[in-house]
N, C-alpha and C. Protein backbone atom coordinates (compact mmCIF):
# COMPACT_ATOMS: atom_id res chain seq x y z
N MET A 1 -27.27 15.25 -13.91
CA MET A 1 -26.73 15.82 -14.77
C MET A 1 -25.01 15.07 -15.09
N THR A 2 -24.85 15.22 -15.92
CA THR A 2 -23.25 14.33 -16.54
C THR A 2 -22.19 15.21 -16.30
N ASP A 3 -21.52 14.37 -15.85
CA ASP A 3 -19.76 15.68 -15.83
C ASP A 3 -19.24 15.48 -16.63
N ILE A 4 -18.73 15.84 -17.56
CA ILE A 4 -18.15 15.70 -18.85
C ILE A 4 -16.86 15.69 -18.98
N ALA A 5 -16.25 15.32 -17.84
CA ALA A 5 -14.73 15.26 -17.59
C ALA A 5 -14.95 13.56 -17.69
N THR A 6 -15.93 12.99 -16.98
CA THR A 6 -15.70 11.54 -16.91
C THR A 6 -16.72 10.85 -18.15
N ASN A 7 -17.66 11.55 -18.46
CA ASN A 7 -18.43 11.03 -19.78
C ASN A 7 -18.21 12.33 -20.70
N PRO A 8 -17.02 12.35 -21.45
CA PRO A 8 -16.99 13.20 -22.90
C PRO A 8 -17.55 12.75 -23.91
N VAL A 9 -18.04 13.58 -24.75
CA VAL A 9 -18.69 13.81 -26.22
C VAL A 9 -17.72 12.86 -27.38
N PRO A 10 -18.31 12.03 -27.99
CA PRO A 10 -16.92 11.50 -28.99
C PRO A 10 -16.85 12.46 -29.85
N GLU A 11 -15.33 12.73 -30.35
CA GLU A 11 -14.64 13.54 -31.35
C GLU A 11 -15.80 13.30 -32.21
N ARG A 12 -16.30 14.29 -32.96
CA ARG A 12 -17.04 14.46 -34.24
C ARG A 12 -16.22 14.85 -36.16
N ALA A 13 -16.50 14.02 -36.94
CA ALA A 13 -15.75 14.38 -38.02
C ALA A 13 -16.58 15.64 -39.01
N SER A 14 -16.47 15.12 -40.52
CA SER A 14 -16.92 16.06 -41.42
C SER A 14 -18.48 14.45 -41.20
N ARG A 15 -19.03 15.43 -42.05
CA ARG A 15 -20.38 14.91 -42.81
C ARG A 15 -20.71 13.56 -43.51
N ASP A 16 -19.47 13.17 -43.98
CA ASP A 16 -19.31 11.85 -44.61
C ASP A 16 -19.18 10.97 -43.90
N ASP A 17 -19.18 10.98 -42.03
CA ASP A 17 -18.88 10.11 -41.16
C ASP A 17 -20.17 9.50 -40.78
N PRO A 18 -20.63 8.44 -40.95
CA PRO A 18 -21.87 8.04 -39.96
C PRO A 18 -22.15 8.60 -38.73
N GLY A 19 -23.28 9.32 -38.46
CA GLY A 19 -23.27 9.63 -36.82
C GLY A 19 -22.32 10.89 -36.49
N GLY A 20 -21.64 10.97 -37.65
CA GLY A 20 -20.79 12.31 -37.26
C GLY A 20 -19.57 12.16 -36.25
N ILE A 21 -19.75 10.74 -35.99
CA ILE A 21 -18.26 10.12 -35.36
C ILE A 21 -17.10 9.90 -36.19
N ALA A 22 -15.54 9.75 -35.51
CA ALA A 22 -14.95 10.30 -36.44
C ALA A 22 -14.46 8.89 -36.29
N SER A 23 -15.10 7.91 -37.14
CA SER A 23 -14.85 6.73 -37.38
C SER A 23 -13.32 6.27 -37.25
N ASP A 24 -12.28 6.66 -38.09
CA ASP A 24 -11.00 6.41 -37.98
C ASP A 24 -10.58 6.07 -36.82
N ARG A 25 -10.81 7.70 -35.97
CA ARG A 25 -10.28 7.36 -34.65
C ARG A 25 -11.04 6.51 -33.89
N LEU A 26 -12.30 6.27 -34.43
CA LEU A 26 -12.87 5.30 -32.97
C LEU A 26 -11.87 3.60 -33.55
N ARG A 27 -11.67 3.57 -34.70
CA ARG A 27 -11.48 2.27 -35.45
C ARG A 27 -9.85 1.90 -34.63
N ALA A 28 -8.98 3.16 -34.47
CA ALA A 28 -8.06 3.27 -33.94
C ALA A 28 -7.72 2.52 -32.88
N PHE A 29 -9.06 3.34 -32.37
CA PHE A 29 -8.96 3.12 -30.57
C PHE A 29 -9.17 1.38 -30.13
N VAL A 30 -10.60 0.88 -31.21
CA VAL A 30 -10.46 -0.17 -31.46
C VAL A 30 -9.70 -1.44 -30.99
N GLU A 31 -8.96 -1.20 -32.20
CA GLU A 31 -7.71 -1.76 -32.64
C GLU A 31 -6.57 -1.36 -31.39
N ARG A 32 -6.24 -0.59 -30.79
CA ARG A 32 -5.60 -0.72 -30.13
C ARG A 32 -6.15 -1.63 -28.88
N ILE A 33 -7.29 -1.35 -28.38
CA ILE A 33 -7.65 -1.88 -26.99
C ILE A 33 -7.60 -3.77 -27.93
N GLU A 34 -8.08 -4.01 -29.09
CA GLU A 34 -7.98 -5.28 -29.65
C GLU A 34 -6.60 -6.15 -29.21
N ARG A 35 -5.84 -5.26 -29.42
CA ARG A 35 -4.19 -5.88 -29.24
C ARG A 35 -3.72 -5.72 -28.25
N LEU A 36 -4.05 -4.88 -27.51
CA LEU A 36 -4.05 -4.97 -25.68
C LEU A 36 -4.69 -6.31 -25.25
N GLU A 37 -5.48 -6.19 -25.39
CA GLU A 37 -6.62 -8.07 -25.41
C GLU A 37 -5.40 -8.90 -25.36
N ALA A 38 -5.12 -8.83 -26.87
CA ALA A 38 -4.19 -10.29 -27.32
C ALA A 38 -3.40 -10.27 -26.17
N GLU A 39 -2.22 -9.19 -26.07
CA GLU A 39 -1.03 -9.07 -25.10
C GLU A 39 -1.28 -9.68 -24.09
N LYS A 40 -2.87 -9.52 -23.46
CA LYS A 40 -3.15 -9.64 -22.20
C LYS A 40 -4.00 -11.33 -22.13
N SER A 41 -4.12 -11.82 -23.11
CA SER A 41 -4.30 -13.29 -23.01
C SER A 41 -2.84 -14.12 -23.03
N ALA A 42 -1.84 -13.61 -24.27
CA ALA A 42 -0.86 -13.74 -24.05
C ALA A 42 0.28 -14.25 -22.78
N LEU A 43 0.12 -12.54 -22.27
CA LEU A 43 0.55 -12.51 -21.08
C LEU A 43 0.29 -14.05 -19.92
N ALA A 44 -1.45 -13.72 -19.82
CA ALA A 44 -2.15 -14.86 -18.99
C ALA A 44 -1.76 -16.20 -19.03
N ALA A 45 -1.32 -16.59 -20.29
CA ALA A 45 -0.61 -18.15 -20.79
C ALA A 45 0.30 -18.16 -20.02
N ASP A 46 1.18 -17.13 -20.41
CA ASP A 46 2.75 -17.39 -19.83
C ASP A 46 2.30 -17.66 -18.53
N ILE A 47 1.74 -16.84 -17.72
CA ILE A 47 1.92 -16.67 -16.21
C ILE A 47 1.42 -18.40 -15.77
N ARG A 48 0.16 -18.91 -16.73
CA ARG A 48 -0.29 -20.24 -16.40
C ARG A 48 1.11 -21.27 -16.83
N ASP A 49 1.82 -21.09 -17.47
CA ASP A 49 3.15 -21.70 -18.09
C ASP A 49 4.03 -22.11 -16.62
N VAL A 50 4.07 -20.92 -16.22
CA VAL A 50 4.96 -20.40 -14.92
C VAL A 50 4.33 -21.22 -13.47
N PHE A 51 3.53 -20.97 -13.49
CA PHE A 51 3.22 -21.73 -12.31
C PHE A 51 3.04 -23.50 -12.46
N ALA A 52 2.68 -23.67 -13.51
CA ALA A 52 2.40 -25.35 -14.06
C ALA A 52 3.98 -25.46 -14.17
N GLU A 53 5.18 -24.76 -14.17
CA GLU A 53 6.22 -25.51 -14.57
C GLU A 53 6.63 -25.13 -12.90
N ALA A 54 6.51 -24.18 -12.01
CA ALA A 54 6.72 -24.43 -10.45
C ALA A 54 6.25 -25.24 -9.77
N LYS A 55 4.54 -26.11 -10.41
CA LYS A 55 4.15 -26.70 -9.48
C LYS A 55 4.92 -28.32 -9.90
N SER A 56 5.27 -28.47 -11.20
CA SER A 56 6.21 -29.30 -11.80
C SER A 56 7.26 -29.81 -10.66
N ALA A 57 7.91 -28.46 -10.44
CA ALA A 57 8.69 -28.77 -9.62
C ALA A 57 9.04 -28.80 -7.75
N GLY A 58 7.46 -28.84 -8.07
CA GLY A 58 7.47 -29.25 -6.14
C GLY A 58 6.61 -28.09 -4.99
N PHE A 59 6.61 -27.01 -6.35
CA PHE A 59 5.49 -26.24 -5.44
C PHE A 59 4.66 -26.09 -5.18
N ASP A 60 3.85 -25.18 -4.04
CA ASP A 60 2.29 -25.31 -4.29
C ASP A 60 2.51 -23.95 -4.53
N THR A 61 1.15 -24.09 -5.56
CA THR A 61 0.88 -22.79 -6.72
C THR A 61 0.05 -22.04 -5.69
N LYS A 62 -1.09 -22.76 -4.94
CA LYS A 62 -1.95 -21.90 -4.16
C LYS A 62 -1.30 -20.84 -3.12
N ILE A 63 -0.55 -21.26 -2.40
CA ILE A 63 0.38 -20.80 -1.93
C ILE A 63 1.57 -19.37 -2.41
N MET A 64 1.81 -19.72 -3.65
CA MET A 64 2.67 -19.04 -4.06
C MET A 64 1.53 -17.77 -4.66
N ARG A 65 0.46 -18.48 -4.79
CA ARG A 65 -0.64 -16.65 -5.46
C ARG A 65 -0.82 -15.85 -4.35
N GLN A 66 -0.52 -16.82 -2.79
CA GLN A 66 -0.94 -15.86 -1.95
C GLN A 66 0.14 -14.96 -1.33
N VAL A 67 1.35 -15.55 -1.83
CA VAL A 67 2.43 -14.76 -1.55
C VAL A 67 2.36 -13.54 -2.55
N ILE A 68 2.21 -13.72 -3.34
CA ILE A 68 2.08 -12.77 -4.26
C ILE A 68 1.06 -11.73 -4.49
N LYS A 69 0.24 -12.20 -3.73
CA LYS A 69 -0.98 -10.82 -3.23
C LYS A 69 -0.30 -10.50 -2.13
N LEU A 70 0.14 -11.16 -0.98
CA LEU A 70 1.28 -10.27 -0.23
C LEU A 70 1.66 -9.29 -0.73
N ARG A 71 3.13 -9.67 -1.66
CA ARG A 71 3.80 -9.12 -1.67
C ARG A 71 3.67 -7.33 -2.36
N ARG A 72 2.25 -7.38 -2.94
CA ARG A 72 1.98 -6.63 -4.10
C ARG A 72 1.00 -5.41 -2.78
N MET A 73 0.92 -5.97 -1.32
CA MET A 73 0.37 -4.98 -0.70
C MET A 73 1.85 -4.33 -0.11
N GLU A 74 0.95 -3.36 0.69
CA GLU A 74 1.66 -1.88 1.62
C GLU A 74 2.33 -2.91 2.81
N ASN A 75 3.32 -2.45 3.27
CA ASN A 75 3.58 -3.35 4.59
C ASN A 75 2.34 -2.86 5.62
N HIS A 76 1.47 -1.47 5.74
CA HIS A 76 1.20 -1.48 6.66
C HIS A 76 -0.25 -2.26 6.49
N ASP A 77 -0.74 -2.66 5.53
CA ASP A 77 -1.60 -3.09 5.11
C ASP A 77 -1.04 -4.67 5.50
N ARG A 78 -0.58 -5.20 4.93
CA ARG A 78 -0.47 -6.48 4.93
C ARG A 78 -0.17 -6.73 6.44
N ASN A 79 0.42 -5.88 7.37
CA ASN A 79 0.05 -5.91 8.83
C ASN A 79 -1.29 -6.02 9.60
N GLU A 80 -1.65 -4.94 9.07
CA GLU A 80 -3.21 -5.09 9.39
C GLU A 80 -3.79 -6.03 9.15
N GLN A 81 -3.87 -7.26 7.75
CA GLN A 81 -4.56 -8.27 7.34
C GLN A 81 -4.20 -8.86 8.82
N GLN A 82 -2.86 -9.21 8.53
CA GLN A 82 -1.95 -10.28 9.81
C GLN A 82 -2.63 -10.34 10.98
N GLU A 83 -2.65 -8.81 11.88
CA GLU A 83 -3.40 -8.85 12.61
C GLU A 83 -4.59 -9.40 13.00
N LEU A 84 -5.51 -9.05 11.84
CA LEU A 84 -6.95 -9.29 12.10
C LEU A 84 -7.35 -10.70 11.72
N ILE A 85 -6.55 -11.70 10.76
CA ILE A 85 -6.78 -13.18 10.80
C ILE A 85 -6.06 -13.34 11.89
N ASP A 86 -5.23 -12.85 12.53
CA ASP A 86 -4.63 -13.57 14.33
C ASP A 86 -5.83 -13.60 15.36
N LEU A 87 -6.61 -12.13 15.12
CA LEU A 87 -7.25 -12.45 16.16
C LEU A 87 -8.72 -12.95 16.09
N TYR A 88 -9.32 -12.73 14.47
CA TYR A 88 -10.39 -13.98 14.29
C TYR A 88 -9.99 -15.41 14.50
N MET A 89 -8.53 -15.70 14.34
CA MET A 89 -8.03 -17.01 14.50
C MET A 89 -8.32 -17.54 16.36
N GLN A 90 -7.85 -16.47 17.02
CA GLN A 90 -7.59 -16.48 17.99
C GLN A 90 -9.53 -16.62 18.92
N ALA A 91 -10.08 -15.98 18.13
CA ALA A 91 -11.63 -15.81 18.55
C ALA A 91 -12.45 -17.27 18.59
N LEU A 92 -12.08 -17.89 17.26
CA LEU A 92 -12.60 -19.48 16.50
C LEU A 92 -11.56 -20.75 17.70
N GLY A 93 -10.93 -19.94 18.83
CA GLY A 93 -10.02 -20.99 19.27
C GLY A 93 -8.89 -21.73 18.25
N MET A 94 -8.77 -21.14 17.37
CA MET A 94 -7.78 -21.88 16.67
C MET A 94 -5.77 -21.73 17.04
N VAL A 95 -5.98 -20.80 18.06
CA VAL A 95 -4.56 -20.80 18.04
C VAL A 95 -4.29 -21.06 19.29
């Protein structure tokens, strides 16, 4: 059984539209997505440039990526992760 809230039926238009789909509305959605994908690509290129600049300034970009990942996390999640890392390292005799 399909849930209508998660899988809605596309909007219908006049009988002139192929398959009864509102082609103008569909085109608008597709064009918006394409614009956003282009912006996403441009942002990804900008991020790569910043990492390259940081690397040329002597920073370790792998560590920077880890720090950025940690900064996104909630404090309690970050603390829990660190405790598990410490526990695993102790179990392996790394500390």
